[in-house]
Amino acid sequence: MEKKLFYEFIGKKIRQKREEKGLTLNELSLKTGIRKIYLQKIEDGKAYGFSTTKLFMIGEALETHASMLVRGWEEFKKLAGTE
């Protein structure tokens, strides 16, 4: 349960940042070299266990550090009652 919630959390953060930057999934795919369909799965929280390398690539393409994409997880986890 917690693992699934973690990937959903990251996916939402990535989508939020991508939309803030005004990028489409296709544009993010071109910037990262990650397939659009896989990025969609990541944003939907359905790509369990994707690599930290991919997270860093996405962060770089979104002009943010990968750590910012997981920031707030501990607080979110408490609010979700999974801790």
C-alpha atoms as a PDB file:
ATOM      1  CA  MET A   1       0.000   0.000   0.000  1.00  0.00           C
ATOM      2  CA  GLU A   2       2.682   2.503   1.004  1.00  0.00           C
ATOM      3  CA  LYS A   3       4.820   1.732  -2.056  1.00  0.00           C
ATOM      4  CA  LYS A   4       1.847   2.281  -4.386  1.00  0.00           C
ATOM      5  CA  LEU A   5       1.019   5.542  -2.638  1.00  0.00           C
ATOM      6  CA  PHE A   6       4.648   6.661  -2.945  1.00  0.00           C
ATOM      7  CA  TYR A   7       4.685   6.226  -6.719  1.00  0.00           C
ATOM      8  CA  GLU A   8       1.307   7.959  -7.027  1.00  0.00           C
ATOM      9  CA  PHE A   9       2.697  10.858  -4.984  1.00  0.00           C
ATOM     10  CA  ILE A  10       5.785  11.201  -7.203  1.00  0.00           C
ATOM     11  CA  GLY A  11       3.677  10.934 -10.341  1.00  0.00           C
ATOM     12  CA  LYS A  12       1.414  13.763  -9.227  1.00  0.00           C
ATOM     13  CA  LYS A  13       4.410  15.939  -8.405  1.00  0.00           C
ATOM     14  CA  ILE A  14       5.938  15.292 -11.829  1.00  0.00           C
ATOM     15  CA  ARG A  15       2.663  16.074 -13.618  1.00  0.00           C
ATOM     16  CA  GLN A  16       2.222  19.255 -11.563  1.00  0.00           C
ATOM     17  CA  LYS A  17       5.747  20.450 -12.360  1.00  0.00           C
ATOM     18  CA  ARG A  18       5.407  19.545 -16.045  1.00  0.00           C
ATOM     19  CA  GLU A  19       2.157  21.494 -16.310  1.00  0.00           C
ATOM     20  CA  GLU A  20       3.703  24.460 -14.464  1.00  0.00           C
ATOM     21  CA  LYS A  21       6.439  24.474 -17.110  1.00  0.00           C
ATOM     22  CA  GLY A  22       3.825  24.316 -19.874  1.00  0.00           C
ATOM     23  CA  LEU A  23       5.216  21.075 -21.284  1.00  0.00           C
ATOM     24  CA  THR A  24       3.276  18.281 -22.924  1.00  0.00           C
ATOM     25  CA  LEU A  25       4.120  14.651 -22.272  1.00  0.00           C
ATOM     26  CA  ASN A  26       5.528  14.519 -25.787  1.00  0.00           C
ATOM     27  CA  GLU A  27       7.851  17.456 -25.083  1.00  0.00           C
ATOM     28  CA  LEU A  28       8.989  15.914 -21.794  1.00  0.00           C
ATOM     29  CA  SER A  29       9.635  12.675 -23.634  1.00  0.00           C
ATOM     30  CA  LEU A  30      11.840  14.479 -26.148  1.00  0.00           C
ATOM     31  CA  LYS A  31      13.766  16.231 -23.355  1.00  0.00           C
ATOM     32  CA  THR A  32      14.348  13.059 -21.332  1.00  0.00           C
ATOM     33  CA  GLY A  33      14.541  10.325 -23.945  1.00  0.00           C
ATOM     34  CA  ILE A  34      11.929   8.417 -21.931  1.00  0.00           C
ATOM     35  CA  ARG A  35       9.001   7.063 -23.928  1.00  0.00           C
ATOM     36  CA  LYS A  36       5.791   9.065 -23.666  1.00  0.00           C
ATOM     37  CA  ILE A  37       3.767   5.992 -22.655  1.00  0.00           C
ATOM     38  CA  TYR A  38       6.191   5.287 -19.793  1.00  0.00           C
ATOM     39  CA  LEU A  39       6.068   8.920 -18.635  1.00  0.00           C
ATOM     40  CA  GLN A  40       2.275   8.630 -18.626  1.00  0.00           C
ATOM     41  CA  LYS A  41       2.534   5.537 -16.414  1.00  0.00           C
ATOM     42  CA  ILE A  42       4.906   7.377 -14.068  1.00  0.00           C
ATOM     43  CA  GLU A  43       2.527  10.339 -13.803  1.00  0.00           C
ATOM     44  CA  ASP A  44      -0.397   7.981 -13.193  1.00  0.00           C
ATOM     45  CA  GLY A  45       1.552   6.280 -10.384  1.00  0.00           C
ATOM     46  CA  LYS A  46       1.561   2.964 -12.235  1.00  0.00           C
ATOM     47  CA  ALA A  47       5.272   2.615 -13.010  1.00  0.00           C
ATOM     48  CA  TYR A  48       6.477   0.912  -9.847  1.00  0.00           C
ATOM     49  CA  GLY A  49      10.198   0.755  -9.293  1.00  0.00           C
ATOM     50  CA  PHE A  50      11.416   3.123 -11.978  1.00  0.00           C
ATOM     51  CA  SER A  51      15.068   4.010 -11.562  1.00  0.00           C
ATOM     52  CA  THR A  52      16.508   6.991  -9.763  1.00  0.00           C
ATOM     53  CA  THR A  53      18.318   7.715 -13.021  1.00  0.00           C
ATOM     54  CA  LYS A  54      14.946   8.301 -14.677  1.00  0.00           C
ATOM     55  CA  LEU A  55      13.872  10.485 -11.761  1.00  0.00           C
ATOM     56  CA  PHE A  56      17.018  12.601 -12.177  1.00  0.00           C
ATOM     57  CA  MET A  57      16.463  12.829 -15.949  1.00  0.00           C
ATOM     58  CA  ILE A  58      12.899  14.022 -15.402  1.00  0.00           C
ATOM     59  CA  GLY A  59      14.006  16.500 -12.747  1.00  0.00           C
ATOM     60  CA  GLU A  60      16.658  17.920 -15.051  1.00  0.00           C
ATOM     61  CA  ALA A  61      14.178  18.273 -17.924  1.00  0.00           C
ATOM     62  CA  LEU A  62      11.783  20.068 -15.569  1.00  0.00           C
ATOM     63  CA  GLU A  63      14.614  22.319 -14.365  1.00  0.00           C
ATOM     64  CA  THR A  64      14.378  21.102 -10.795  1.00  0.00           C
ATOM     65  CA  HIS A  65      16.344  18.736  -8.587  1.00  0.00           C
ATOM     66  CA  ALA A  66      14.985  15.212  -8.291  1.00  0.00           C
ATOM     67  CA  SER A  67      14.761  15.653  -4.515  1.00  0.00           C
ATOM     68  CA  MET A  68      12.114  18.328  -5.075  1.00  0.00           C
ATOM     69  CA  LEU A  69       9.940  15.711  -6.755  1.00  0.00           C
ATOM     70  CA  VAL A  70       9.840  13.625  -3.576  1.00  0.00           C
ATOM     71  CA  ARG A  71       9.767  16.542  -1.154  1.00  0.00           C
ATOM     72  CA  GLY A  72       6.732  16.421   1.105  1.00  0.00           C
ATOM     73  CA  TRP A  73       6.400  12.632   1.042  1.00  0.00           C
ATOM     74  CA  GLU A  74       6.798  12.214   4.806  1.00  0.00           C
ATOM     75  CA  GLU A  75       4.116  14.817   5.534  1.00  0.00           C
ATOM     76  CA  PHE A  76       1.812  13.337   2.901  1.00  0.00           C
ATOM     77  CA  LYS A  77       2.301   9.861   4.354  1.00  0.00           C
ATOM     78  CA  LYS A  78       1.263  11.085   7.795  1.00  0.00           C
ATOM     79  CA  LEU A  79      -1.827  12.792   6.406  1.00  0.00           C
ATOM     80  CA  ALA A  80      -2.745   9.664   4.465  1.00  0.00           C
ATOM     81  CA  GLY A  81      -2.480   7.650   7.680  1.00  0.00           C
ATOM     82  CA  THR A  82      -0.007   5.112   6.343  1.00  0.00           C
ATOM     83  CA  GLU A  83       2.597   5.715   9.005  1.00  0.00           C
END
